[in-house]
N, C-alpha and C. Protein backbone atom coordinates (compact mmCIF):
# COMPACT_ATOMS: atom_id res chain seq x y z
N UNK A 1 55.20 110.20 130.59
CA UNK A 1 54.22 111.55 130.14
C UNK A 1 53.32 110.80 129.17
N UNK A 2 51.84 111.18 129.50
CA UNK A 2 51.01 110.34 128.65
C UNK A 2 50.93 111.41 127.62
N UNK A 3 50.18 111.34 126.41
CA UNK A 3 50.42 112.15 125.08
C UNK A 3 49.57 113.28 125.44
N UNK A 4 50.46 114.33 124.51
CA UNK A 4 49.65 115.73 124.81
C UNK A 4 48.65 115.81 124.04
N UNK A 5 47.68 116.63 124.45
CA UNK A 5 46.47 116.83 123.94
C UNK A 5 45.92 118.24 124.24
N UNK A 6 46.43 118.61 125.46
CA UNK A 6 46.37 120.41 125.53
C UNK A 6 47.52 121.11 126.00
N UNK A 7 47.56 122.25 125.66
CA UNK A 7 48.79 123.03 126.13
C UNK A 7 47.88 124.20 126.67
N UNK A 8 48.70 124.82 127.60
CA UNK A 8 48.21 126.08 128.46
C UNK A 8 49.18 127.18 128.56
N UNK A 9 49.38 128.25 127.84
CA UNK A 9 50.42 129.06 127.56
C UNK A 9 50.43 130.13 128.71
N UNK A 10 51.15 130.73 129.29
CA UNK A 10 51.26 131.82 129.91
C UNK A 10 51.76 132.89 128.57
N UNK A 11 51.55 134.40 128.78
CA UNK A 11 51.58 134.97 127.72
C UNK A 11 53.07 135.81 127.65
N UNK A 12 52.97 136.67 128.92
CA UNK A 12 54.64 137.70 129.33
C UNK A 12 55.53 136.75 129.06
N UNK A 13 56.73 137.14 128.55
CA UNK A 13 57.79 136.62 128.62
C UNK A 13 57.77 135.28 128.08
N UNK A 14 56.80 134.79 127.66
CA UNK A 14 56.19 133.23 127.25
C UNK A 14 56.16 133.17 125.81
N UNK A 15 55.10 134.08 125.44
CA UNK A 15 55.03 133.90 123.59
C UNK A 15 55.35 135.27 123.09
N UNK A 16 55.35 136.43 124.32
CA UNK A 16 55.73 138.10 123.65
C UNK A 16 56.97 138.41 124.43
N UNK A 17 58.15 139.48 123.99
CA UNK A 17 58.98 139.59 124.67
C UNK A 17 58.70 141.03 125.08
N UNK A 18 57.82 141.09 126.57
CA UNK A 18 57.08 142.07 126.82
C UNK A 18 57.65 142.52 128.22
N UNK A 19 58.30 141.36 128.69
CA UNK A 19 58.84 142.12 130.31
C UNK A 19 59.84 143.16 130.34
N UNK A 20 60.90 143.27 129.34
CA UNK A 20 61.56 144.37 129.35
C UNK A 20 60.46 145.53 128.96
N UNK A 21 59.83 145.59 127.70
CA UNK A 21 58.92 146.79 127.51
C UNK A 21 58.40 146.92 128.50
N UNK A 22 57.58 146.23 129.68
CA UNK A 22 57.00 147.04 130.67
C UNK A 22 57.84 147.54 131.57
N UNK A 23 58.96 147.11 132.05
CA UNK A 23 59.97 147.65 133.07
C UNK A 23 60.70 148.92 132.43
N UNK A 24 61.08 148.71 131.12
CA UNK A 24 61.43 149.91 130.46
C UNK A 24 60.59 151.51 130.28
N UNK A 25 59.05 150.95 130.15
CA UNK A 25 58.08 151.72 130.38
C UNK A 25 57.68 152.69 131.54
N UNK A 26 57.68 151.72 132.51
CA UNK A 26 57.59 151.72 133.90
C UNK A 26 58.77 153.08 134.31
N UNK A 27 59.87 152.40 134.42
CA UNK A 27 61.05 153.22 134.37
C UNK A 27 61.44 154.58 133.99
N UNK A 28 60.79 154.64 132.69
CA UNK A 28 60.92 155.94 131.71
C UNK A 28 60.26 156.98 132.80
N UNK A 29 58.74 156.31 132.93
CA UNK A 29 57.70 157.32 133.42
C UNK A 29 58.19 157.78 135.00
N UNK A 30 58.73 156.75 135.74
CA UNK A 30 58.89 156.66 137.32
C UNK A 30 60.06 157.88 137.21
N UNK A 31 61.29 158.09 136.58
CA UNK A 31 62.11 158.62 136.24
C UNK A 31 61.52 160.02 136.40
N UNK A 32 60.85 160.37 135.43
CA UNK A 32 60.56 161.76 134.63
C UNK A 32 59.59 162.46 136.30
N UNK A 33 58.84 161.76 136.88
CA UNK A 33 58.14 161.83 138.06
C UNK A 33 58.58 162.08 139.45
N UNK A 34 59.71 161.11 139.48
CA UNK A 34 60.38 161.04 140.71
C UNK A 34 60.53 160.19 141.59
N UNK A 35 60.10 158.93 141.05
CA UNK A 35 59.77 157.85 141.49
C UNK A 35 61.15 156.74 141.67
N UNK A 36 61.91 156.12 142.57
CA UNK A 36 62.72 155.35 142.27
C UNK A 36 62.42 153.58 142.16
N UNK A 37 62.54 153.71 140.73
CA UNK A 37 61.48 152.52 140.39
C UNK A 37 63.07 151.56 139.75
N UNK A 38 63.32 150.59 140.56
CA UNK A 38 64.46 149.96 139.88
C UNK A 38 64.02 148.48 139.34
N UNK A 39 64.69 147.78 138.93
CA UNK A 39 64.52 146.65 137.98
C UNK A 39 64.43 145.78 139.00
N UNK A 40 65.05 145.67 139.94
CA UNK A 40 65.08 144.33 141.38
C UNK A 40 63.51 144.39 142.12
N UNK A 41 63.05 146.00 141.92
CA UNK A 41 61.67 146.08 142.43
C UNK A 41 60.72 145.60 141.48
N UNK A 42 60.91 145.66 140.40
CA UNK A 42 60.24 145.13 139.18
C UNK A 42 60.00 144.00 139.07
N UNK A 43 60.96 143.12 139.33
CA UNK A 43 61.27 141.53 139.02
C UNK A 43 60.52 140.77 140.03
N UNK A 44 60.62 141.33 141.24
CA UNK A 44 59.57 140.67 142.20
C UNK A 44 58.05 140.17 141.88
N UNK A 45 57.91 141.15 140.96
CA UNK A 45 56.25 140.79 140.49
C UNK A 45 56.09 140.34 139.49
N UNK A 46 57.06 139.68 138.90
CA UNK A 46 56.94 139.06 137.42
C UNK A 46 56.17 137.81 137.42
N UNK A 47 55.18 137.55 136.61
CA UNK A 47 53.99 136.83 136.62
C UNK A 47 52.72 136.52 137.99
N UNK A 48 53.01 137.86 138.45
CA UNK A 48 51.96 138.28 139.42
C UNK A 48 50.94 139.13 138.49
N UNK A 49 49.51 139.40 138.99
CA UNK A 49 48.75 140.06 138.25
C UNK A 49 49.37 141.98 138.70
N UNK A 50 48.45 142.64 137.78
CA UNK A 50 48.49 143.67 137.52
C UNK A 50 47.93 144.26 138.79
N UNK A 51 47.05 143.93 139.61
CA UNK A 51 46.60 144.29 140.72
C UNK A 51 47.11 144.51 141.61
N UNK A 52 48.02 143.25 141.97
CA UNK A 52 48.91 143.00 143.06
C UNK A 52 50.02 144.06 142.94
N UNK A 53 50.23 144.39 141.48
CA UNK A 53 51.87 145.06 140.99
C UNK A 53 51.30 146.42 141.95
N UNK A 54 50.03 146.83 141.40
CA UNK A 54 49.47 147.96 141.46
C UNK A 54 49.44 148.38 143.28
N UNK A 55 48.54 147.27 143.79
CA UNK A 55 48.39 147.41 145.12
C UNK A 55 49.72 147.57 146.02
N UNK A 56 50.74 147.21 145.57
CA UNK A 56 52.17 146.96 146.18
C UNK A 56 52.98 148.55 145.78
N UNK A 57 52.32 149.08 144.92
CA UNK A 57 52.93 150.50 144.20
C UNK A 57 52.65 151.49 145.26
N UNK A 58 51.27 151.27 145.53
CA UNK A 58 50.42 152.23 146.17
C UNK A 58 51.03 152.18 147.92
N UNK A 59 51.09 151.18 148.15
CA UNK A 59 51.83 150.86 149.77
C UNK A 59 53.07 151.31 149.79
N UNK A 60 53.90 150.59 148.86
CA UNK A 60 55.77 151.00 148.92
C UNK A 60 55.86 152.55 148.71
N UNK A 61 55.32 153.11 147.80
CA UNK A 61 55.72 154.89 147.58
C UNK A 61 55.09 155.68 148.34
N UNK A 62 53.90 155.30 148.84
CA UNK A 62 53.10 156.13 150.03
C UNK A 62 52.91 157.81 149.14
N UNK A 63 52.65 157.38 147.99
CA UNK A 63 52.42 158.78 146.85
C UNK A 63 50.69 158.23 145.90
N UNK A 64 49.93 158.54 146.48
CA UNK A 64 49.33 158.01 145.38
C UNK A 64 48.88 158.60 144.02
N UNK A 65 49.05 160.10 144.41
CA UNK A 65 48.97 161.00 142.95
C UNK A 65 50.28 160.31 141.99
N UNK A 66 51.26 160.14 142.22
CA UNK A 66 52.47 159.52 141.62
C UNK A 66 52.09 158.29 140.91
N UNK A 67 51.81 157.65 141.50
CA UNK A 67 51.61 156.38 141.43
C UNK A 67 50.89 155.75 140.65
N UNK A 68 49.47 156.37 140.53
CA UNK A 68 48.34 156.94 139.68
C UNK A 68 49.13 157.23 138.10
N UNK A 69 49.80 158.23 138.38
CA UNK A 69 50.57 158.86 137.15
C UNK A 69 51.36 157.67 136.41
N UNK A 70 51.96 157.06 137.22
CA UNK A 70 52.79 156.31 136.74
C UNK A 70 52.30 154.96 136.18
N UNK A 71 51.23 154.43 136.83
CA UNK A 71 50.26 153.06 136.33
C UNK A 71 49.53 153.58 134.83
N UNK A 72 48.97 155.00 134.77
CA UNK A 72 48.41 155.25 133.77
C UNK A 72 49.43 155.63 132.25
N UNK A 73 50.48 156.35 132.67
CA UNK A 73 51.07 156.82 131.44
C UNK A 73 51.97 155.79 131.39
N UNK A 74 52.40 154.69 131.89
CA UNK A 74 53.50 153.74 131.76
C UNK A 74 52.53 152.49 130.57
N UNK A 75 51.16 152.61 130.91
CA UNK A 75 50.17 151.55 130.26
C UNK A 75 50.17 152.14 128.83
N UNK A 76 49.33 153.78 128.92
CA UNK A 76 49.60 154.45 127.90
C UNK A 76 50.68 154.30 126.44
N UNK A 77 52.11 154.49 127.20
CA UNK A 77 53.13 154.24 126.48
C UNK A 77 53.42 153.05 125.95
N UNK A 78 53.39 152.13 126.90
CA UNK A 78 53.15 150.59 126.20
C UNK A 78 52.31 150.28 124.99
N UNK A 79 50.95 150.80 125.06
CA UNK A 79 50.06 150.31 124.25
C UNK A 79 49.93 150.97 122.95
N UNK A 80 50.81 152.55 123.09
CA UNK A 80 51.02 152.96 122.29
C UNK A 80 52.30 152.31 121.10
N UNK A 81 53.11 151.98 121.64
CA UNK A 81 54.34 151.08 121.21
C UNK A 81 54.02 149.77 120.38
N UNK A 82 52.83 149.28 121.38
CA UNK A 82 52.53 148.07 120.42
C UNK A 82 51.67 148.07 118.93
N UNK A 83 51.03 149.53 119.29
CA UNK A 83 50.00 149.79 117.94
C UNK A 83 50.58 150.34 116.93
N UNK A 84 51.84 150.89 117.16
CA UNK A 84 52.90 151.38 116.14
C UNK A 84 54.02 150.24 115.83
N UNK A 85 54.31 149.08 116.46
CA UNK A 85 55.77 148.74 115.86
C UNK A 85 55.15 147.27 116.26
N UNK A 86 54.02 146.73 117.06
CA UNK A 86 53.54 145.27 116.96
C UNK A 86 54.39 144.55 118.23
N UNK A 87 54.38 143.64 118.01
CA UNK A 87 54.90 143.07 119.65
C UNK A 87 56.14 141.77 118.82
N UNK A 88 57.23 141.67 119.84
CA UNK A 88 58.39 140.82 119.37
C UNK A 88 57.81 139.46 119.97
N UNK A 89 57.48 138.28 118.96
CA UNK A 89 57.29 136.91 119.42
C UNK A 89 58.50 136.07 119.84
N UNK A 90 58.57 135.52 120.53
CA UNK A 90 59.48 134.66 121.30
C UNK A 90 59.67 133.74 120.41
N UNK A 91 61.14 133.42 120.00
CA UNK A 91 61.42 132.46 119.11
C UNK A 91 60.99 130.97 119.11
N UNK A 92 60.19 130.43 118.04
CA UNK A 92 59.33 129.18 118.03
C UNK A 92 58.41 129.34 118.30
N UNK A 93 57.62 130.50 118.54
CA UNK A 93 56.08 130.46 118.73
C UNK A 93 55.29 130.08 117.59
N UNK A 94 55.50 130.55 116.58
CA UNK A 94 54.57 130.40 115.63
C UNK A 94 54.81 128.90 115.11
N UNK A 95 55.88 128.30 115.20
CA UNK A 95 56.15 127.03 114.73
C UNK A 95 55.28 125.96 115.53
N UNK A 96 55.51 126.21 116.92
CA UNK A 96 55.04 125.40 117.85
C UNK A 96 53.20 125.63 117.47
N UNK A 97 52.69 126.80 117.39
CA UNK A 97 51.21 126.96 117.31
C UNK A 97 50.78 126.11 115.99
N UNK A 98 51.82 126.27 114.93
CA UNK A 98 51.32 125.62 113.88
C UNK A 98 51.22 123.94 113.98
N UNK A 99 52.09 123.74 114.80
CA UNK A 99 52.45 122.07 115.04
C UNK A 99 50.93 121.88 115.51
N UNK A 100 51.08 122.49 116.77
CA UNK A 100 49.66 122.16 117.62
C UNK A 100 48.41 122.28 116.90
N UNK A 101 48.20 122.96 115.79
CA UNK A 101 47.25 123.13 114.89
C UNK A 101 46.90 122.01 114.18
N UNK A 102 47.77 121.75 113.73
CA UNK A 102 47.99 120.77 112.64
C UNK A 102 47.47 119.22 113.37
N UNK A 103 48.03 118.88 114.33
CA UNK A 103 47.71 117.82 115.08
C UNK A 103 46.72 117.90 116.38
N UNK A 104 45.96 118.85 115.95
CA UNK A 104 44.29 119.12 116.84
C UNK A 104 44.89 119.09 118.35
N UNK A 105 45.73 119.94 118.78
CA UNK A 105 45.93 119.83 120.20
C UNK A 105 45.63 121.29 120.83
N UNK A 106 44.94 120.98 121.56
CA UNK A 106 44.04 122.40 122.18
C UNK A 106 44.94 123.23 122.92
N UNK A 107 44.41 124.82 122.68
CA UNK A 107 45.59 125.72 123.20
C UNK A 107 44.32 126.65 123.85
N UNK A 108 45.10 126.87 124.99
CA UNK A 108 44.40 128.03 125.61
C UNK A 108 45.60 128.87 126.37
N UNK A 109 45.39 130.43 126.72
CA UNK A 109 46.18 131.44 127.16
C UNK A 109 45.62 131.37 128.60
N UNK A 110 46.56 131.30 129.74
CA UNK A 110 46.19 132.09 130.84
C UNK A 110 47.14 132.99 131.62
N UNK A 111 47.02 134.27 131.22
CA UNK A 111 47.85 134.97 131.89
C UNK A 111 47.32 136.16 132.80
N UNK A 112 48.32 136.45 133.81
CA UNK A 112 47.97 137.25 134.70
C UNK A 112 47.58 138.62 134.31
N UNK A 113 47.39 138.96 133.02
CA UNK A 113 47.36 140.39 132.51
C UNK A 113 45.78 140.40 132.49
N UNK A 114 45.18 141.66 132.63
CA UNK A 114 43.51 141.64 132.46
C UNK A 114 43.01 141.02 131.20
N UNK A 115 41.81 140.69 131.18
CA UNK A 115 41.19 139.71 129.67
C UNK A 115 41.16 140.95 128.37
N UNK A 116 41.06 142.34 128.79
CA UNK A 116 41.16 142.85 127.51
C UNK A 116 42.62 142.92 126.93
N UNK A 117 43.66 143.07 127.79
CA UNK A 117 45.11 143.08 127.67
C UNK A 117 45.43 142.00 126.43
N UNK A 118 45.24 140.86 127.39
CA UNK A 118 45.36 139.68 126.59
C UNK A 118 45.16 139.35 125.25
N UNK A 119 43.65 140.26 124.76
CA UNK A 119 43.33 140.17 123.67
C UNK A 119 43.96 141.08 123.06
N UNK A 120 44.03 142.43 123.39
CA UNK A 120 44.61 143.41 122.79
C UNK A 120 46.02 142.91 121.96
N UNK A 121 47.02 142.02 122.65
CA UNK A 121 47.87 141.35 122.63
C UNK A 121 47.99 140.20 121.64
N UNK A 122 46.99 139.58 122.04
CA UNK A 122 47.06 138.03 120.62
C UNK A 122 46.29 138.84 119.56
N UNK A 123 45.83 140.02 119.78
CA UNK A 123 45.59 140.37 117.95
C UNK A 123 46.35 140.92 117.36
N UNK A 124 47.17 141.96 118.01
CA UNK A 124 48.52 142.67 117.55
C UNK A 124 49.50 141.71 117.24
N UNK A 125 49.35 140.54 118.05
CA UNK A 125 50.79 139.71 117.85
C UNK A 125 50.28 138.63 116.52
N UNK A 126 48.70 138.84 116.27
CA UNK A 126 48.77 138.21 115.19
C UNK A 126 48.49 136.39 115.21
N UNK A 127 48.53 136.48 116.61
CA UNK A 127 48.07 134.58 116.90
C UNK A 127 46.85 134.48 117.75
N UNK A 128 45.71 135.44 117.46
CA UNK A 128 44.53 134.92 118.22
C UNK A 128 43.31 134.36 117.81
N UNK A 129 43.91 133.47 116.29
CA UNK A 129 43.13 132.57 115.38
C UNK A 129 43.68 131.23 116.05
N UNK A 130 44.70 131.01 116.69
CA UNK A 130 45.00 129.53 117.26
C UNK A 130 44.96 129.06 118.33
N UNK A 131 43.75 130.08 119.15
CA UNK A 131 43.69 129.80 120.74
C UNK A 131 41.87 129.14 120.67
N UNK A 132 41.82 128.36 121.69
CA UNK A 132 40.32 127.54 121.83
C UNK A 132 39.74 128.91 122.46
N UNK A 133 40.75 129.45 123.46
CA UNK A 133 39.93 130.32 124.35
C UNK A 133 41.41 131.15 124.97
N UNK A 134 41.09 132.08 126.14
CA UNK A 134 42.04 132.63 126.86
C UNK A 134 41.29 133.31 127.96
N UNK A 135 41.84 133.31 129.22
CA UNK A 135 41.80 133.59 130.29
C UNK A 135 42.94 134.73 131.27
N UNK A 136 42.00 136.07 131.40
CA UNK A 136 42.85 136.77 132.58
C UNK A 136 42.56 137.05 133.52
N UNK A 137 43.93 137.61 134.55
CA UNK A 137 43.79 137.70 135.65
C UNK A 137 42.59 138.47 136.35
N UNK A 138 41.90 138.77 135.49
CA UNK A 138 40.55 139.56 136.46
C UNK A 138 39.43 138.73 136.63
N UNK A 139 39.90 137.13 136.17
CA UNK A 139 38.83 136.48 136.18
C UNK A 139 39.01 135.19 136.63
N UNK A 140 39.87 135.55 137.82
CA UNK A 140 40.06 134.84 139.08
C UNK A 140 40.34 135.63 140.22
N UNK A 141 40.16 134.89 141.45
CA UNK A 141 39.99 135.69 142.66
C UNK A 141 41.92 135.79 142.86
N UNK A 142 42.69 134.93 142.75
CA UNK A 142 43.60 134.70 143.26
C UNK A 142 44.87 134.46 142.40
N UNK A 143 45.71 135.72 142.28
CA UNK A 143 46.78 135.53 141.05
C UNK A 143 47.66 134.55 141.24
N UNK A 144 48.24 134.24 140.24
CA UNK A 144 49.77 133.36 140.29
C UNK A 144 50.42 133.74 141.75
N UNK A 145 51.09 133.15 142.54
CA UNK A 145 51.45 131.50 142.53
C UNK A 145 50.28 131.01 142.68
N UNK A 146 49.23 131.11 143.15
CA UNK A 146 47.94 130.50 143.38
C UNK A 146 47.57 129.88 142.25
N UNK A 147 47.01 128.45 142.39
CA UNK A 147 46.98 127.46 140.80
C UNK A 147 45.74 127.91 140.15
N UNK A 148 44.77 128.60 140.77
CA UNK A 148 43.42 128.86 140.17
C UNK A 148 43.19 129.22 139.03
N UNK A 149 44.19 130.05 138.13
CA UNK A 149 43.96 130.53 137.15
C UNK A 149 44.32 129.25 136.01
N UNK A 150 45.34 128.35 136.48
CA UNK A 150 45.48 127.24 135.53
C UNK A 150 44.48 126.07 135.79
N UNK A 151 43.74 126.11 136.77
CA UNK A 151 42.56 125.23 137.00
C UNK A 151 41.57 125.77 136.38
N UNK A 152 41.24 126.77 136.21
CA UNK A 152 40.30 127.30 135.53
C UNK A 152 40.24 127.12 134.03
N UNK A 153 41.91 127.51 133.40
CA UNK A 153 41.93 127.06 131.91
C UNK A 153 41.69 125.65 131.70
N UNK A 154 42.05 124.83 132.74
CA UNK A 154 42.00 123.45 132.52
C UNK A 154 40.58 122.80 132.26
N UNK A 155 39.80 123.39 133.35
CA UNK A 155 38.64 122.93 133.16
C UNK A 155 37.84 123.39 131.68
N UNK A 156 38.26 124.27 131.29
CA UNK A 156 37.69 124.72 129.85
C UNK A 156 38.00 123.88 128.53
N UNK A 157 39.33 123.25 128.78
CA UNK A 157 39.66 122.36 127.83
C UNK A 157 39.00 120.91 127.62
N UNK A 158 38.49 120.48 128.91
CA UNK A 158 37.67 119.23 128.72
C UNK A 158 38.71 117.98 128.16
N UNK A 159 40.23 118.18 128.75
CA UNK A 159 41.27 117.10 128.41
C UNK A 159 41.55 116.59 130.21
N UNK A 160 42.13 115.58 130.26
CA UNK A 160 42.74 115.04 131.49
C UNK A 160 43.87 115.64 131.79
N UNK A 161 44.06 116.03 133.12
CA UNK A 161 45.33 116.62 133.43
C UNK A 161 46.84 115.79 133.03
N UNK A 162 46.88 114.48 132.77
CA UNK A 162 47.82 113.96 132.50
C UNK A 162 47.89 113.89 131.08
N UNK A 163 46.96 114.38 130.44
CA UNK A 163 47.13 114.69 128.65
C UNK A 163 47.62 116.29 128.70
N UNK A 164 47.53 117.15 129.59
CA UNK A 164 47.58 118.78 129.71
C UNK A 164 49.36 119.14 130.04
N UNK A 165 50.01 120.11 129.32
CA UNK A 165 50.82 120.83 129.78
C UNK A 165 50.67 122.36 129.96
N UNK A 166 51.38 122.66 130.75
CA UNK A 166 51.46 124.18 131.01
C UNK A 166 52.99 124.84 130.30
N UNK A 167 52.88 126.08 130.05
CA UNK A 167 54.40 126.69 129.63
C UNK A 167 54.34 127.72 130.21
N UNK A 168 55.52 127.71 130.94
CA UNK A 168 55.60 128.97 131.86
C UNK A 168 57.14 129.09 131.64
N UNK A 169 57.53 130.67 132.26
CA UNK A 169 58.59 131.22 131.95
C UNK A 169 58.92 131.82 133.64
N UNK A 170 58.08 132.16 134.39
CA UNK A 170 58.40 132.75 136.14
C UNK A 170 58.27 131.70 136.77
N UNK A 171 58.94 131.92 137.69
CA UNK A 171 58.71 131.25 139.25
C UNK A 171 57.53 130.84 139.80
N UNK A 172 56.80 132.09 139.76
CA UNK A 172 54.95 132.05 140.34
C UNK A 172 54.21 131.33 139.24
N UNK A 173 54.63 131.02 138.25
CA UNK A 173 53.93 130.41 137.32
C UNK A 173 54.04 129.10 137.61
N UNK A 174 55.60 128.70 137.72
CA UNK A 174 55.79 127.29 137.62
C UNK A 174 55.01 126.69 138.85
N UNK A 175 55.11 127.79 140.28
CA UNK A 175 54.63 127.20 141.44
C UNK A 175 53.21 127.01 141.27
N UNK A 176 52.50 127.91 140.14
CA UNK A 176 50.96 127.49 140.19
C UNK A 176 50.67 126.51 139.32
N UNK A 177 51.16 126.23 138.55
CA UNK A 177 51.24 124.76 137.49
C UNK A 177 51.27 123.62 138.44
N UNK A 178 52.65 123.63 139.66
CA UNK A 178 53.06 122.69 140.22
C UNK A 178 51.48 122.19 141.01
N UNK A 179 51.27 123.52 141.53
CA UNK A 179 50.06 123.08 142.80
C UNK A 179 48.81 122.65 142.13
N UNK A 180 48.57 122.88 141.03
CA UNK A 180 47.32 122.78 139.64
C UNK A 180 47.69 120.92 139.87
N UNK A 181 48.62 120.78 139.72
CA UNK A 181 49.00 119.09 139.53
C UNK A 181 48.96 118.86 137.78
N UNK A 182 49.29 120.07 136.95
CA UNK A 182 49.59 119.88 135.83
C UNK A 182 50.97 119.94 135.36
N UNK A 183 51.83 119.27 134.65
CA UNK A 183 53.16 119.07 134.14
C UNK A 183 53.24 120.56 133.73
N UNK A 184 54.11 121.09 133.71
CA UNK A 184 54.75 122.21 133.54
C UNK A 184 56.20 122.41 132.90
N UNK A 185 56.53 122.90 131.65
CA UNK A 185 57.58 123.16 131.12
C UNK A 185 57.91 124.79 131.10
N UNK A 186 59.03 124.83 131.57
CA UNK A 186 59.75 126.26 132.01
C UNK A 186 60.39 126.34 130.79
N UNK A 187 60.54 127.66 130.16
CA UNK A 187 61.14 128.09 129.13
C UNK A 187 61.51 129.56 129.46
N UNK A 188 62.88 129.78 129.92
CA UNK A 188 63.19 130.81 130.49
C UNK A 188 63.55 131.95 129.90
N UNK A 189 62.93 133.06 130.48
CA UNK A 189 63.28 134.40 130.05
C UNK A 189 64.05 135.28 130.74
N UNK A 190 63.38 136.16 131.75
CA UNK A 190 64.78 136.62 132.38
C UNK A 190 65.66 136.16 133.34
N UNK A 191 64.89 135.05 133.80
CA UNK A 191 65.61 134.07 134.85
C UNK A 191 65.79 133.12 134.80
N UNK A 192 67.32 132.28 134.93
CA UNK A 192 67.61 130.98 134.29
C UNK A 192 67.06 129.80 135.85
N UNK A 193 66.54 128.76 135.52
CA UNK A 193 66.11 128.09 136.66
C UNK A 193 66.88 127.60 137.79
N UNK A 194 66.58 127.96 138.84
CA UNK A 194 67.01 127.67 140.30
C UNK A 194 66.81 126.15 140.38
N UNK A 195 67.08 125.90 141.56
CA UNK A 195 66.77 124.54 142.13
C UNK A 195 65.48 124.38 142.32
N UNK A 196 64.21 125.22 142.58
CA UNK A 196 63.07 124.84 142.86
C UNK A 196 62.26 124.56 141.48
N UNK A 197 62.66 125.27 140.58
CA UNK A 197 62.49 125.73 139.23
C UNK A 197 62.65 124.10 138.67
N UNK A 198 63.76 123.66 138.49
CA UNK A 198 64.12 122.41 138.50
C UNK A 198 63.65 121.05 138.88
N UNK A 199 63.14 120.98 140.14
CA UNK A 199 62.45 120.22 141.07
C UNK A 199 61.05 119.88 140.66
N UNK A 200 60.34 121.29 140.48
CA UNK A 200 58.93 121.50 139.87
C UNK A 200 58.92 121.46 138.43
N UNK A 201 59.35 121.65 137.72
CA UNK A 201 59.00 122.01 136.27
C UNK A 201 59.19 120.51 135.86
N UNK A 202 58.82 120.02 134.74
CA UNK A 202 58.68 118.45 134.25
C UNK A 202 59.86 118.54 133.40
N UNK A 203 59.87 119.92 132.85
CA UNK A 203 61.22 120.03 131.39
C UNK A 203 61.37 121.17 131.86
N UNK A 204 62.78 121.72 131.12
CA UNK A 204 63.20 122.80 130.80
C UNK A 204 63.64 122.77 129.59
N UNK A 205 62.96 123.89 128.83
CA UNK A 205 63.76 124.05 127.31
C UNK A 205 63.96 125.25 127.00
N UNK A 206 65.16 125.30 125.99
CA UNK A 206 65.69 126.60 126.05
C UNK A 206 64.63 127.80 125.01
N UNK A 207 63.68 127.09 124.31
CA UNK A 207 62.88 128.13 123.61
C UNK A 207 61.80 127.20 123.23
N UNK A 208 60.61 127.89 122.46
CA UNK A 208 59.66 127.38 122.05
C UNK A 208 59.66 126.18 121.12
N UNK A 209 60.50 126.57 120.29
CA UNK A 209 60.82 125.56 119.06
C UNK A 209 61.77 124.27 119.68
N UNK A 210 62.32 124.28 120.89
CA UNK A 210 62.65 122.78 121.17
C UNK A 210 61.19 122.67 122.09
N UNK A 211 60.34 123.54 122.63
CA UNK A 211 59.17 122.46 123.40
C UNK A 211 58.06 121.82 122.55
N UNK A 212 58.50 122.55 120.80
CA UNK A 212 57.61 121.21 119.90
C UNK A 212 58.23 120.27 119.81
N UNK A 213 59.84 120.46 119.66
CA UNK A 213 60.34 118.84 119.46
C UNK A 213 59.58 117.95 120.53
N UNK A 214 59.81 118.57 121.81
CA UNK A 214 59.73 117.79 123.26
C UNK A 214 58.47 117.23 123.11
N UNK A 215 57.51 118.06 122.47
CA UNK A 215 56.15 117.47 122.52
C UNK A 215 55.53 116.26 121.24
N UNK A 216 56.48 116.94 120.02
CA UNK A 216 56.41 115.50 118.93
C UNK A 216 56.92 114.63 119.08
N UNK A 217 57.84 114.80 119.97
CA UNK A 217 58.94 113.43 120.57
C UNK A 217 57.85 112.57 121.24
N UNK A 218 57.75 112.88 122.35
CA UNK A 218 56.56 112.89 123.47
C UNK A 218 55.42 111.87 122.67
N UNK A 219 54.81 112.34 121.67
CA UNK A 219 53.49 112.17 121.03
C UNK A 219 53.87 111.02 120.35
N UNK A 220 55.07 111.48 119.72
CA UNK A 220 55.46 110.03 118.37
C UNK A 220 55.69 108.90 119.35
N UNK A 221 56.23 108.77 120.50
CA UNK A 221 56.70 107.82 121.42
C UNK A 221 55.25 107.08 122.02
N UNK A 222 54.37 107.84 122.47
CA UNK A 222 53.21 107.41 123.12
C UNK A 222 52.62 106.35 121.95
N UNK A 223 52.55 107.00 120.39
CA UNK A 223 51.61 106.17 119.44
C UNK A 223 52.22 104.79 119.25
N UNK A 224 53.75 104.76 119.43
CA UNK A 224 54.13 103.50 118.84
C UNK A 224 53.77 102.21 120.03
């Protein structure tokens, strides 16, 4: 592997412990308004865009009024919780960001969330200052597992693909990175790596602190 000069971050489940928050907010509202919203149903859309999730909600439940209520009220609930309590950072996030900053390694967020939500999360997570730029799912035509968002993020970095890595927790993200032909490190969140993940990921790390150590070791080795 070449020296790492740029890192593309996924956000939900990778930087912040948000996937369970999303599910719980949706579940609470769904139960209240009479929609059968299960974790298995939600899990199939992890890593995909909100637009795709919402489109499928309307198709699957066939109740426009209730689905509209679910989307709005669960989103409002989540934002209120974050404004009040902040975001839970994944272990090793700050240590990794500080290391990348000190070593002048470029950093960009490429999230399936819309850009305004990405900005809100980065600001309320107090990590906005670390990133050169960020890209939301509403800035691309096709959501993960399509590689478009990673291609767009990479183009903004001005760094060769062989010097870039992507950090992801979901299979859709790993598939997108693999198809973009950029090395991806999986940091599992809700799902443990299966055969496909092990085949397509360049490495699998337990947490972001281990990612920091991985990059530091690779860059040290290259410099020798």
